[in-house]
Amino acid sequence: MASSNFIDHVRLYCRSGNGGAGAVHMRREKHVPKGGPDGGDGGRGGHIILRGSTNLWTLLHLRYQKHVFASNGEGGSGHGSTGADGKDIVLEVPLGTIARDAETNEIVCEITEHNEEIILAKGGRGGLGNQHFNTSTNQTPRYAQPGEAGLDTIFVLELKLLADVGLVGFPNAGKSTLLSVLSAAKPEIADYPFTTLVPNLGVVSYRDHRSFVMADIPGIIEGAADGKGLGLRFLRHIERNSLLLFLVPADADDVAKEYEILLGELTKYNPELLDKERVLAISKTDMLDEQMIEEMKALLPKTLPTLFISSVAQMGLQELKDLLWSKLNPAKS
């Protein structure tokens, strides 16, 4: 999919439907010259609903839909007839979508499951017909309730990708290459920074027909949490990943320092990311001999699970999948 087709942020003006007015009507039939009130209730205004769908992975289809209007409920009528409800508007969104009130920035809801439905903007209630206001002292009420107004609100929809493993690394660390080797994903790969301009998802096949989802997040640079580079735009996608796979190339000037910078940027963006499981993979290690690998191991954090891999030479990839699976499924490994 072209990079321009990945949209993870849209702004929508939503107006739910007004409720229909209750009816003022008196029963008039042959041989019943003075029937009582029988005005029906108004119908409910249409809701605006979000529905989760596994068939979507971007908000592109909503990019140009700036206004969303649900229809109004119809008014009630005689003989106790209730007006028809306004038609609901259902907006399908990818899993991991959150909705915020644009004015308060408050999170209204989030969609995390397929076919999950949440009412984003409720339609107004229909008014009561005059049959509800009949009393012993007022047997012919000639008034009814108007319908309740719908809601006028601007919402911001944001997508945070749902994946089991999030790939974290500087540009040119080899994240896209690793994803293309482990899964059927075909991200753009080239030898220059910021080749990846959008997140890519890939399903990684594992033993016994099992699998997990890996996300290649666009490269972070030092200062990303302060808005530099592309980092701030895509750091939110890391929040929904169960496990973080840090990828540092073997030809980095200082592998341990590069890892610490990456970890620092995530911490500045959201300290809660430190609570996630972390694995470090040193990529492009086909250029190292055993002695160099041992020397590099001595400089890395002892408590951090670390593997030396090469996507091009297919080195250590099965061990990496075994480690990731065991971290994702500790009870099943």
C-alpha atoms as a PDB file:
ATOM      1  CA  MET A   1       0.000   0.000   0.000  1.00  0.00           C
ATOM      2  CA  ALA A   2       1.349   3.431  -0.868  1.00  0.00           C
ATOM      3  CA  SER A   3       2.590   5.501   2.007  1.00  0.00           C
ATOM      4  CA  SER A   4       0.092   8.280   1.245  1.00  0.00           C
ATOM      5  CA  ASN A   5      -2.714   5.806   1.923  1.00  0.00           C
ATOM      6  CA  PHE A   6      -1.819   5.359   5.568  1.00  0.00           C
ATOM      7  CA  ILE A   7      -3.950   7.822   7.537  1.00  0.00           C
ATOM      8  CA  ASP A   8      -3.969   7.524  11.337  1.00  0.00           C
ATOM      9  CA  HIS A   9      -5.554  10.851  12.309  1.00  0.00           C
ATOM     10  CA  VAL A  10      -8.862  12.364  11.122  1.00  0.00           C
ATOM     11  CA  ARG A  11     -11.140  15.127  12.401  1.00  0.00           C
ATOM     12  CA  LEU A  12     -14.908  14.724  12.039  1.00  0.00           C
ATOM     13  CA  TYR A  13     -17.798  17.060  12.698  1.00  0.00           C
ATOM     14  CA  CYS A  14     -20.602  14.787  13.933  1.00  0.00           C
ATOM     15  CA  ARG A  15     -24.257  15.660  14.385  1.00  0.00           C
ATOM     16  CA  SER A  16     -26.609  13.014  15.675  1.00  0.00           C
ATOM     17  CA  GLY A  17     -30.303  13.144  14.792  1.00  0.00           C
ATOM     18  CA  ASN A  18     -32.951  15.140  16.642  1.00  0.00           C
ATOM     19  CA  GLY A  19     -35.762  13.231  18.293  1.00  0.00           C
ATOM     20  CA  GLY A  20     -39.180  13.474  16.685  1.00  0.00           C
ATOM     21  CA  ALA A  21     -41.926  15.483  18.368  1.00  0.00           C
ATOM     22  CA  GLY A  22     -44.754  13.783  20.224  1.00  0.00           C
ATOM     23  CA  ALA A  23     -48.177  14.103  18.598  1.00  0.00           C
ATOM     24  CA  VAL A  24     -51.197  16.017  19.858  1.00  0.00           C
ATOM     25  CA  HIS A  25     -54.204  14.000  18.693  1.00  0.00           C
ATOM     26  CA  MET A  26     -57.657  13.095  19.988  1.00  0.00           C
ATOM     27  CA  ARG A  27     -59.336   9.790  19.298  1.00  0.00           C
ATOM     28  CA  ARG A  28     -62.164  10.320  16.841  1.00  0.00           C
ATOM     29  CA  GLU A  29     -64.190   7.323  15.735  1.00  0.00           C
ATOM     30  CA  LYS A  30     -67.787   6.596  14.836  1.00  0.00           C
ATOM     31  CA  HIS A  31     -69.884   6.241  17.973  1.00  0.00           C
ATOM     32  CA  VAL A  32     -66.979   7.665  20.009  1.00  0.00           C
ATOM     33  CA  PRO A  33     -67.504  11.411  19.700  1.00  0.00           C
ATOM     34  CA  LYS A  34     -65.303  12.312  22.661  1.00  0.00           C
ATOM     35  CA  GLY A  35     -62.423   9.886  22.637  1.00  0.00           C
ATOM     36  CA  GLY A  36     -59.423  10.634  24.792  1.00  0.00           C
ATOM     37  CA  PRO A  37     -55.930  11.698  23.692  1.00  0.00           C
ATOM     38  CA  ASP A  38     -54.025   9.157  21.575  1.00  0.00           C
ATOM     39  CA  GLY A  39     -51.050  11.108  20.262  1.00  0.00           C
ATOM     40  CA  GLY A  40     -48.027   8.828  19.719  1.00  0.00           C
ATOM     41  CA  ASP A  41     -44.411   9.414  20.732  1.00  0.00           C
ATOM     42  CA  GLY A  42     -41.735  10.779  18.458  1.00  0.00           C
ATOM     43  CA  GLY A  43     -38.982   8.512  17.137  1.00  0.00           C
ATOM     44  CA  ARG A  44     -35.406   8.582  18.400  1.00  0.00           C
ATOM     45  CA  GLY A  45     -32.819  10.532  16.432  1.00  0.00           C
ATOM     46  CA  GLY A  46     -30.142   8.544  14.632  1.00  0.00           C
ATOM     47  CA  HIS A  47     -26.944   7.623  16.499  1.00  0.00           C
ATOM     48  CA  ILE A  48     -23.416   7.905  15.117  1.00  0.00           C
ATOM     49  CA  ILE A  49     -21.702   4.606  15.883  1.00  0.00           C
ATOM     50  CA  LEU A  50     -18.124   3.351  15.624  1.00  0.00           C
ATOM     51  CA  ARG A  51     -17.661  -0.309  14.682  1.00  0.00           C
ATOM     52  CA  GLY A  52     -14.361  -2.190  14.797  1.00  0.00           C
ATOM     53  CA  SER A  53     -13.232  -4.090  11.709  1.00  0.00           C
ATOM     54  CA  THR A  54     -10.222  -6.345  11.175  1.00  0.00           C
ATOM     55  CA  ASN A  55     -10.512  -5.630   7.447  1.00  0.00           C
ATOM     56  CA  LEU A  56      -9.221  -2.087   7.937  1.00  0.00           C
ATOM     57  CA  TRP A  57      -5.803  -0.870   9.054  1.00  0.00           C
ATOM     58  CA  THR A  58      -6.027   2.834   8.245  1.00  0.00           C
ATOM     59  CA  LEU A  59      -8.506   5.723   8.562  1.00  0.00           C
ATOM     60  CA  LEU A  60      -8.091   6.624   4.881  1.00  0.00           C
ATOM     61  CA  HIS A  61     -11.763   6.003   4.071  1.00  0.00           C
ATOM     62  CA  LEU A  62     -12.738   8.762   6.555  1.00  0.00           C
ATOM     63  CA  ARG A  63     -10.141  11.287   5.430  1.00  0.00           C
ATOM     64  CA  TYR A  64     -12.467  13.263   3.177  1.00  0.00           C
ATOM     65  CA  GLN A  65     -15.661  12.661   5.182  1.00  0.00           C
ATOM     66  CA  LYS A  66     -15.455  15.878   7.189  1.00  0.00           C
ATOM     67  CA  HIS A  67     -19.130  15.950   8.211  1.00  0.00           C
ATOM     68  CA  VAL A  68     -21.245  13.063   9.500  1.00  0.00           C
ATOM     69  CA  PHE A  69     -24.967  13.738   9.942  1.00  0.00           C
ATOM     70  CA  ALA A  70     -27.473  11.182  11.239  1.00  0.00           C
ATOM     71  CA  SER A  71     -31.127  11.611  10.299  1.00  0.00           C
ATOM     72  CA  ASN A  72     -33.833  12.928  12.610  1.00  0.00           C
ATOM     73  CA  GLY A  73     -36.567  10.842  14.186  1.00  0.00           C
ATOM     74  CA  GLU A  74     -40.060  11.246  12.796  1.00  0.00           C
ATOM     75  CA  GLY A  75     -42.901  12.750  14.767  1.00  0.00           C
ATOM     76  CA  GLY A  76     -45.601  10.637  16.378  1.00  0.00           C
ATOM     77  CA  SER A  77     -49.128  10.430  14.998  1.00  0.00           C
ATOM     78  CA  GLY A  78     -52.644   9.531  16.041  1.00  0.00           C
ATOM     79  CA  HIS A  79     -53.871   6.196  17.349  1.00  0.00           C
ATOM     80  CA  GLY A  80     -50.767   5.947  19.569  1.00  0.00           C
ATOM     81  CA  SER A  81     -48.443   5.484  16.598  1.00  0.00           C
ATOM     82  CA  THR A  82     -44.767   6.104  17.401  1.00  0.00           C
ATOM     83  CA  GLY A  83     -42.663   7.880  14.802  1.00  0.00           C
ATOM     84  CA  ALA A  84     -39.861   6.019  13.041  1.00  0.00           C
ATOM     85  CA  ASP A  85     -36.372   6.270  14.525  1.00  0.00           C
ATOM     86  CA  GLY A  86     -33.761   8.203  12.599  1.00  0.00           C
ATOM     87  CA  LYS A  87     -31.291   6.076  10.634  1.00  0.00           C
ATOM     88  CA  ASP A  88     -28.049   5.373  12.479  1.00  0.00           C
ATOM     89  CA  ILE A  89     -24.699   6.130  10.822  1.00  0.00           C
ATOM     90  CA  VAL A  90     -22.112   3.373  11.347  1.00  0.00           C
ATOM     91  CA  LEU A  91     -18.449   4.262  10.787  1.00  0.00           C
ATOM     92  CA  GLU A  92     -16.179   1.245  10.448  1.00  0.00           C
ATOM     93  CA  VAL A  93     -12.707   1.796  11.888  1.00  0.00           C
ATOM     94  CA  PRO A  94      -9.595  -0.362  12.362  1.00  0.00           C
ATOM     95  CA  LEU A  95      -8.888  -1.949  15.713  1.00  0.00           C
ATOM     96  CA  GLY A  96      -6.877   0.353  17.932  1.00  0.00           C
ATOM     97  CA  THR A  97      -8.871   3.488  17.041  1.00  0.00           C
ATOM     98  CA  ILE A  98      -9.556   5.981  19.819  1.00  0.00           C
ATOM     99  CA  ALA A  99     -11.986   8.907  19.662  1.00  0.00           C
ATOM    100  CA  ARG A 100     -11.282  12.199  21.422  1.00  0.00           C
ATOM    101  CA  ASP A 101     -13.452  15.231  22.016  1.00  0.00           C
ATOM    102  CA  ALA A 102     -11.660  17.883  19.960  1.00  0.00           C
ATOM    103  CA  GLU A 103     -12.516  20.637  22.436  1.00  0.00           C
ATOM    104  CA  THR A 104     -11.459  18.927  25.689  1.00  0.00           C
ATOM    105  CA  ASN A 105      -9.025  16.354  24.215  1.00  0.00           C
ATOM    106  CA  GLU A 106     -10.744  13.806  26.450  1.00  0.00           C
ATOM    107  CA  ILE A 107     -10.838  10.194  25.247  1.00  0.00           C
ATOM    108  CA  VAL A 108     -14.466   9.293  24.555  1.00  0.00           C
ATOM    109  CA  CYS A 109     -14.008   5.657  23.551  1.00  0.00           C
ATOM    110  CA  GLU A 110     -11.639   3.151  21.980  1.00  0.00           C
ATOM    111  CA  ILE A 111     -12.261   0.224  19.663  1.00  0.00           C
ATOM    112  CA  THR A 112     -10.178  -2.909  20.247  1.00  0.00           C
ATOM    113  CA  GLU A 113     -12.320  -5.841  19.017  1.00  0.00           C
ATOM    114  CA  HIS A 114     -13.818  -6.915  15.709  1.00  0.00           C
ATOM    115  CA  ASN A 115     -17.502  -5.901  15.367  1.00  0.00           C
ATOM    116  CA  GLU A 116     -17.346  -4.004  18.665  1.00  0.00           C
ATOM    117  CA  GLU A 117     -19.834  -1.114  18.475  1.00  0.00           C
ATOM    118  CA  ILE A 118     -19.753   2.053  20.560  1.00  0.00           C
ATOM    119  CA  ILE A 119     -22.138   4.993  20.218  1.00  0.00           C
ATOM    120  CA  LEU A 120     -20.018   8.046  19.517  1.00  0.00           C
ATOM    121  CA  ALA A 121     -22.896  10.550  19.463  1.00  0.00           C
ATOM    122  CA  LYS A 122     -26.350   9.614  20.768  1.00  0.00           C
ATOM    123  CA  GLY A 123     -29.435  10.676  18.910  1.00  0.00           C
ATOM    124  CA  GLY A 124     -32.002  12.798  20.736  1.00  0.00           C
ATOM    125  CA  ARG A 125     -34.902  11.082  22.467  1.00  0.00           C
ATOM    126  CA  GLY A 126     -38.340  11.335  20.914  1.00  0.00           C
ATOM    127  CA  GLY A 127     -40.931  13.494  22.665  1.00  0.00           C
ATOM    128  CA  LEU A 128     -43.914  11.982  24.444  1.00  0.00           C
ATOM    129  CA  GLY A 129     -47.330  12.232  22.791  1.00  0.00           C
ATOM    130  CA  ASN A 130     -50.277  13.814  24.556  1.00  0.00           C
ATOM    131  CA  GLN A 131     -51.628  10.394  25.584  1.00  0.00           C
ATOM    132  CA  HIS A 132     -49.049  10.424  28.409  1.00  0.00           C
ATOM    133  CA  PHE A 133     -50.419  13.640  29.911  1.00  0.00           C
ATOM    134  CA  ASN A 134     -53.997  12.528  30.462  1.00  0.00           C
ATOM    135  CA  THR A 135     -55.044  13.056  34.091  1.00  0.00           C
ATOM    136  CA  SER A 136     -58.290  13.040  36.025  1.00  0.00           C
ATOM    137  CA  THR A 137     -58.316  16.825  35.967  1.00  0.00           C
ATOM    138  CA  ASN A 138     -57.061  17.258  32.405  1.00  0.00           C
ATOM    139  CA  GLN A 139     -58.601  14.560  30.242  1.00  0.00           C
ATOM    140  CA  THR A 140     -57.954  16.313  26.931  1.00  0.00           C
ATOM    141  CA  PRO A 141     -54.363  17.594  27.068  1.00  0.00           C
ATOM    142  CA  ARG A 142     -53.556  19.549  23.939  1.00  0.00           C
ATOM    143  CA  TYR A 143     -49.801  19.545  24.303  1.00  0.00           C
ATOM    144  CA  ALA A 144     -46.968  17.071  23.818  1.00  0.00           C
ATOM    145  CA  GLN A 145     -43.205  17.014  24.255  1.00  0.00           C
ATOM    146  CA  PRO A 146     -40.887  18.230  21.510  1.00  0.00           C
ATOM    147  CA  GLY A 147     -38.075  15.899  20.503  1.00  0.00           C
ATOM    148  CA  GLU A 148     -34.697  16.160  22.206  1.00  0.00           C
ATOM    149  CA  ALA A 149     -31.963  17.801  20.140  1.00  0.00           C
ATOM    150  CA  GLY A 150     -29.104  15.681  18.849  1.00  0.00           C
ATOM    151  CA  LEU A 151     -25.442  16.323  19.648  1.00  0.00           C
ATOM    152  CA  ASP A 152     -23.122  18.589  17.668  1.00  0.00           C
ATOM    153  CA  THR A 153     -19.532  17.631  18.431  1.00  0.00           C
ATOM    154  CA  ILE A 154     -16.164  17.565  16.715  1.00  0.00           C
ATOM    155  CA  PHE A 155     -14.270  14.340  17.293  1.00  0.00           C
ATOM    156  CA  VAL A 156     -10.678  13.442  16.508  1.00  0.00           C
ATOM    157  CA  LEU A 157     -10.103   9.800  15.585  1.00  0.00           C
ATOM    158  CA  GLU A 158      -6.588   8.463  16.164  1.00  0.00           C
ATOM    159  CA  LEU A 159      -5.265   5.055  15.238  1.00  0.00           C
ATOM    160  CA  LYS A 160      -2.793   3.260  17.487  1.00  0.00           C
ATOM    161  CA  LEU A 161      -1.737   0.047  15.793  1.00  0.00           C
ATOM    162  CA  LEU A 162      -2.462  -3.177  17.643  1.00  0.00           C
ATOM    163  CA  ALA A 163       0.453  -5.589  17.319  1.00  0.00           C
ATOM    164  CA  ASP A 164       2.173  -8.197  19.465  1.00  0.00           C
ATOM    165  CA  VAL A 165       5.703  -6.989  18.725  1.00  0.00           C
ATOM    166  CA  GLY A 166       6.775  -3.439  17.931  1.00  0.00           C
ATOM    167  CA  LEU A 167      10.101  -2.914  16.141  1.00  0.00           C
ATOM    168  CA  VAL A 168      11.998   0.036  17.604  1.00  0.00           C
ATOM    169  CA  GLY A 169      15.194   1.405  16.102  1.00  0.00           C
ATOM    170  CA  PHE A 170      16.924   4.266  14.373  1.00  0.00           C
ATOM    171  CA  PRO A 171      16.568   4.698  10.597  1.00  0.00           C
ATOM    172  CA  ASN A 172      18.600   2.117   8.647  1.00  0.00           C
ATOM    173  CA  ALA A 173      18.693  -0.313  11.588  1.00  0.00           C
ATOM    174  CA  GLY A 174      17.248  -3.030   9.320  1.00  0.00           C
ATOM    175  CA  LYS A 175      13.695  -3.101  10.710  1.00  0.00           C
ATOM    176  CA  SER A 176      11.969  -3.269   7.315  1.00  0.00           C
ATOM    177  CA  THR A 177      14.355  -5.964   6.107  1.00  0.00           C
ATOM    178  CA  LEU A 178      13.709  -8.049   9.226  1.00  0.00           C
ATOM    179  CA  LEU A 179       9.939  -7.704   8.845  1.00  0.00           C
ATOM    180  CA  SER A 180      10.105  -8.696   5.166  1.00  0.00           C
ATOM    181  CA  VAL A 181      12.131 -11.824   6.002  1.00  0.00           C
ATOM    182  CA  LEU A 182      10.009 -12.926   8.974  1.00  0.00           C
ATOM    183  CA  SER A 183       6.610 -12.255   7.365  1.00  0.00           C
ATOM    184  CA  ALA A 184       4.908 -11.773   4.024  1.00  0.00           C
ATOM    185  CA  ALA A 185       4.944  -7.984   4.411  1.00  0.00           C
ATOM    186  CA  LYS A 186       6.687  -6.090   1.617  1.00  0.00           C
ATOM    187  CA  PRO A 187       7.803  -2.756   3.063  1.00  0.00           C
ATOM    188  CA  GLU A 188       9.892  -0.377   0.997  1.00  0.00           C
ATOM    189  CA  ILE A 189      13.593  -1.043   1.606  1.00  0.00           C
ATOM    190  CA  ALA A 190      16.498   1.192   0.560  1.00  0.00           C
ATOM    191  CA  ASP A 191      19.860   2.300   1.875  1.00  0.00           C
ATOM    192  CA  TYR A 192      18.905   5.760   3.081  1.00  0.00           C
ATOM    193  CA  PRO A 193      17.246   7.108   6.253  1.00  0.00           C
ATOM    194  CA  PHE A 194      13.463   7.288   6.623  1.00  0.00           C
ATOM    195  CA  THR A 195      12.686   4.811   3.861  1.00  0.00           C
ATOM    196  CA  THR A 196       9.753   3.747   6.037  1.00  0.00           C
ATOM    197  CA  LEU A 197       7.325   6.647   6.301  1.00  0.00           C
ATOM    198  CA  VAL A 198       4.358   4.667   7.620  1.00  0.00           C
ATOM    199  CA  PRO A 199       4.022   1.733  10.035  1.00  0.00           C
ATOM    200  CA  ASN A 200       3.949  -1.695   8.409  1.00  0.00           C
ATOM    201  CA  LEU A 201       2.283  -4.785   9.852  1.00  0.00           C
ATOM    202  CA  GLY A 202       3.355  -8.355   9.187  1.00  0.00           C
ATOM    203  CA  VAL A 203       2.110 -11.723  10.436  1.00  0.00           C
ATOM    204  CA  VAL A 204       5.047 -13.868  11.556  1.00  0.00           C
ATOM    205  CA  SER A 205       4.484 -17.616  11.195  1.00  0.00           C
ATOM    206  CA  TYR A 206       5.641 -19.740  14.099  1.00  0.00           C
ATOM    207  CA  ARG A 207       5.762 -23.455  14.899  1.00  0.00           C
ATOM    208  CA  ASP A 208       2.619 -25.626  14.740  1.00  0.00           C
ATOM    209  CA  HIS A 209       0.719 -23.096  12.588  1.00  0.00           C
ATOM    210  CA  ARG A 210       0.855 -20.423  15.274  1.00  0.00           C
ATOM    211  CA  SER A 211       1.618 -16.795  14.531  1.00  0.00           C
ATOM    212  CA  PHE A 212       2.033 -13.315  15.975  1.00  0.00           C
ATOM    213  CA  VAL A 213       1.838  -9.792  14.542  1.00  0.00           C
ATOM    214  CA  MET A 214       4.890  -7.557  14.210  1.00  0.00           C
ATOM    215  CA  ALA A 215       4.794  -3.814  13.486  1.00  0.00           C
ATOM    216  CA  ASP A 216       7.653  -1.892  11.875  1.00  0.00           C
ATOM    217  CA  ILE A 217       7.467   1.615  13.345  1.00  0.00           C
ATOM    218  CA  PRO A 218       9.139   4.397  11.303  1.00  0.00           C
ATOM    219  CA  GLY A 219      12.637   5.198  12.516  1.00  0.00           C
ATOM    220  CA  ILE A 220      13.072   7.199  15.685  1.00  0.00           C
ATOM    221  CA  ILE A 221      15.827   9.783  15.998  1.00  0.00           C
ATOM    222  CA  GLU A 222      17.325  11.403  19.069  1.00  0.00           C
ATOM    223  CA  GLY A 223      14.867  14.100  20.111  1.00  0.00           C
ATOM    224  CA  ALA A 224      11.830  12.307  18.650  1.00  0.00           C
ATOM    225  CA  ALA A 225       9.866  12.739  21.886  1.00  0.00           C
ATOM    226  CA  ASP A 226      10.387  16.504  21.516  1.00  0.00           C
ATOM    227  CA  GLY A 227       8.954  16.490  18.001  1.00  0.00           C
ATOM    228  CA  LYS A 228      12.048  15.982  15.872  1.00  0.00           C
ATOM    229  CA  GLY A 229      11.962  13.805  12.764  1.00  0.00           C
ATOM    230  CA  LEU A 230       9.015  11.461  12.311  1.00  0.00           C
ATOM    231  CA  GLY A 231       9.120  10.043  15.818  1.00  0.00           C
ATOM    232  CA  LEU A 232       6.403  12.056  17.538  1.00  0.00           C
ATOM    233  CA  ARG A 233       3.963  11.247  14.757  1.00  0.00           C
ATOM    234  CA  PHE A 234       4.394   7.499  15.165  1.00  0.00           C
ATOM    235  CA  LEU A 235       5.490   6.970  18.772  1.00  0.00           C
ATOM    236  CA  ARG A 236       1.854   6.430  19.761  1.00  0.00           C
ATOM    237  CA  HIS A 237       1.781   3.221  17.706  1.00  0.00           C
ATOM    238  CA  ILE A 238       4.295   1.687  20.120  1.00  0.00           C
ATOM    239  CA  GLU A 239       1.892   2.118  23.058  1.00  0.00           C
ATOM    240  CA  ARG A 240      -0.353  -0.759  21.950  1.00  0.00           C
ATOM    241  CA  ASN A 241       2.407  -3.322  21.340  1.00  0.00           C
ATOM    242  CA  SER A 242       2.721  -6.130  23.886  1.00  0.00           C
ATOM    243  CA  LEU A 243       6.485  -6.440  23.490  1.00  0.00           C
ATOM    244  CA  LEU A 244       9.161  -4.086  22.179  1.00  0.00           C
ATOM    245  CA  LEU A 245      11.954  -5.445  19.988  1.00  0.00           C
ATOM    246  CA  PHE A 246      14.844  -2.994  19.904  1.00  0.00           C
ATOM    247  CA  LEU A 247      16.965  -3.334  16.782  1.00  0.00           C
ATOM    248  CA  VAL A 248      20.494  -1.911  16.757  1.00  0.00           C
ATOM    249  CA  PRO A 249      22.895  -2.564  13.846  1.00  0.00           C
ATOM    250  CA  ALA A 250      26.256  -4.163  14.619  1.00  0.00           C
ATOM    251  CA  ASP A 251      28.057  -1.371  12.779  1.00  0.00           C
ATOM    252  CA  ALA A 252      26.761   1.299  15.183  1.00  0.00           C
ATOM    253  CA  ASP A 253      29.450   3.387  16.870  1.00  0.00           C
ATOM    254  CA  ASP A 254      28.203   2.367  20.322  1.00  0.00           C
ATOM    255  CA  VAL A 255      25.516  -0.330  20.453  1.00  0.00           C
ATOM    256  CA  ALA A 256      24.791   0.077  24.184  1.00  0.00           C
ATOM    257  CA  LYS A 257      24.525   3.860  23.897  1.00  0.00           C
ATOM    258  CA  GLU A 258      22.213   3.610  20.881  1.00  0.00           C
ATOM    259  CA  TYR A 259      19.900   1.316  22.866  1.00  0.00           C
ATOM    260  CA  GLU A 260      19.911   3.758  25.803  1.00  0.00           C
ATOM    261  CA  ILE A 261      19.010   6.667  23.495  1.00  0.00           C
ATOM    262  CA  LEU A 262      16.090   4.711  22.041  1.00  0.00           C
ATOM    263  CA  LEU A 263      14.889   3.738  25.504  1.00  0.00           C
ATOM    264  CA  GLY A 264      15.256   7.338  26.657  1.00  0.00           C
ATOM    265  CA  GLU A 265      13.086   8.653  23.821  1.00  0.00           C
ATOM    266  CA  LEU A 266      10.325   6.169  24.659  1.00  0.00           C
ATOM    267  CA  THR A 267      10.547   7.073  28.341  1.00  0.00           C
ATOM    268  CA  LYS A 268      10.242  10.787  27.601  1.00  0.00           C
ATOM    269  CA  TYR A 269       7.215  10.140  25.404  1.00  0.00           C
ATOM    270  CA  ASN A 270       5.450   7.803  27.866  1.00  0.00           C
ATOM    271  CA  PRO A 271       7.144   6.438  31.015  1.00  0.00           C
ATOM    272  CA  GLU A 272       4.632   3.551  31.097  1.00  0.00           C
ATOM    273  CA  LEU A 273       6.420   2.038  28.092  1.00  0.00           C
ATOM    274  CA  LEU A 274       9.166   0.942  30.515  1.00  0.00           C
ATOM    275  CA  ASP A 275       6.702  -1.609  31.909  1.00  0.00           C
ATOM    276  CA  LYS A 276       6.611  -3.508  28.613  1.00  0.00           C
ATOM    277  CA  GLU A 277       8.774  -6.570  27.926  1.00  0.00           C
ATOM    278  CA  ARG A 278      11.890  -5.647  25.948  1.00  0.00           C
ATOM    279  CA  VAL A 279      14.223  -7.686  23.735  1.00  0.00           C
ATOM    280  CA  LEU A 280      17.367  -6.411  22.038  1.00  0.00           C
ATOM    281  CA  ALA A 281      18.465  -7.766  18.659  1.00  0.00           C
ATOM    282  CA  ILE A 282      21.810  -6.800  17.143  1.00  0.00           C
ATOM    283  CA  SER A 283      21.286  -6.819  13.363  1.00  0.00           C
ATOM    284  CA  LYS A 284      23.767  -7.166  10.491  1.00  0.00           C
ATOM    285  CA  THR A 285      25.976  -9.501  12.576  1.00  0.00           C
ATOM    286  CA  ASP A 286      27.044 -11.547   9.551  1.00  0.00           C
ATOM    287  CA  MET A 287      29.981  -9.104   9.424  1.00  0.00           C
ATOM    288  CA  LEU A 288      31.164 -10.069  12.940  1.00  0.00           C
ATOM    289  CA  ASP A 289      33.325 -12.990  14.059  1.00  0.00           C
ATOM    290  CA  GLU A 290      32.878 -14.870  17.339  1.00  0.00           C
ATOM    291  CA  GLN A 291      35.438 -12.787  19.201  1.00  0.00           C
ATOM    292  CA  MET A 292      33.772  -9.492  18.217  1.00  0.00           C
ATOM    293  CA  ILE A 293      30.369 -10.842  19.276  1.00  0.00           C
ATOM    294  CA  GLU A 294      31.724 -11.840  22.699  1.00  0.00           C
ATOM    295  CA  GLU A 295      33.327  -8.430  23.148  1.00  0.00           C
ATOM    296  CA  MET A 296      30.058  -6.720  22.243  1.00  0.00           C
ATOM    297  CA  LYS A 297      28.064  -8.928  24.648  1.00  0.00           C
ATOM    298  CA  ALA A 298      30.259  -7.752  27.535  1.00  0.00           C
ATOM    299  CA  LEU A 299      29.161  -4.153  26.931  1.00  0.00           C
ATOM    300  CA  LEU A 300      25.407  -4.825  26.825  1.00  0.00           C
ATOM    301  CA  PRO A 301      22.935  -4.847  29.762  1.00  0.00           C
ATOM    302  CA  LYS A 302      23.087  -8.245  31.470  1.00  0.00           C
ATOM    303  CA  THR A 303      19.371  -8.334  32.363  1.00  0.00           C
ATOM    304  CA  LEU A 304      18.183  -7.614  28.817  1.00  0.00           C
ATOM    305  CA  PRO A 305      17.530 -10.645  26.566  1.00  0.00           C
ATOM    306  CA  THR A 306      19.850 -10.126  23.586  1.00  0.00           C
ATOM    307  CA  LEU A 307      20.267 -11.968  20.297  1.00  0.00           C
ATOM    308  CA  PHE A 308      22.673 -11.479  17.386  1.00  0.00           C
ATOM    309  CA  ILE A 309      20.924 -11.831  14.027  1.00  0.00           C
ATOM    310  CA  SER A 310      21.307 -11.198  10.320  1.00  0.00           C
ATOM    311  CA  SER A 311      18.222 -10.850   8.139  1.00  0.00           C
ATOM    312  CA  VAL A 312      20.217 -11.151   4.907  1.00  0.00           C
ATOM    313  CA  ALA A 313      22.217 -14.213   5.995  1.00  0.00           C
ATOM    314  CA  GLN A 314      19.210 -15.729   7.860  1.00  0.00           C
ATOM    315  CA  MET A 315      21.245 -15.964  11.070  1.00  0.00           C
ATOM    316  CA  GLY A 316      19.530 -16.321  14.452  1.00  0.00           C
ATOM    317  CA  LEU A 317      16.026 -15.707  13.101  1.00  0.00           C
ATOM    318  CA  GLN A 318      14.464 -18.909  14.455  1.00  0.00           C
ATOM    319  CA  GLU A 319      16.041 -18.249  17.854  1.00  0.00           C
ATOM    320  CA  LEU A 320      14.572 -14.743  17.709  1.00  0.00           C
ATOM    321  CA  LYS A 321      11.092 -16.074  16.951  1.00  0.00           C
ATOM    322  CA  ASP A 322      11.412 -18.612  19.785  1.00  0.00           C
ATOM    323  CA  LEU A 323      12.384 -15.864  22.216  1.00  0.00           C
ATOM    324  CA  LEU A 324       9.607 -13.520  21.107  1.00  0.00           C
ATOM    325  CA  TRP A 325       7.008 -16.281  21.324  1.00  0.00           C
ATOM    326  CA  SER A 326       8.138 -17.291  24.817  1.00  0.00           C
ATOM    327  CA  LYS A 327       7.871 -13.665  25.975  1.00  0.00           C
ATOM    328  CA  LEU A 328       4.433 -13.218  24.400  1.00  0.00           C
ATOM    329  CA  ASN A 329       3.088 -16.556  25.665  1.00  0.00           C
ATOM    330  CA  PRO A 330       4.956 -17.463  28.865  1.00  0.00           C
ATOM    331  CA  ALA A 331       2.352 -20.089  29.799  1.00  0.00           C
ATOM    332  CA  LYS A 332       2.462 -21.814  26.376  1.00  0.00           C
ATOM    333  CA  SER A 333       6.196 -21.817  25.680  1.00  0.00           C
END
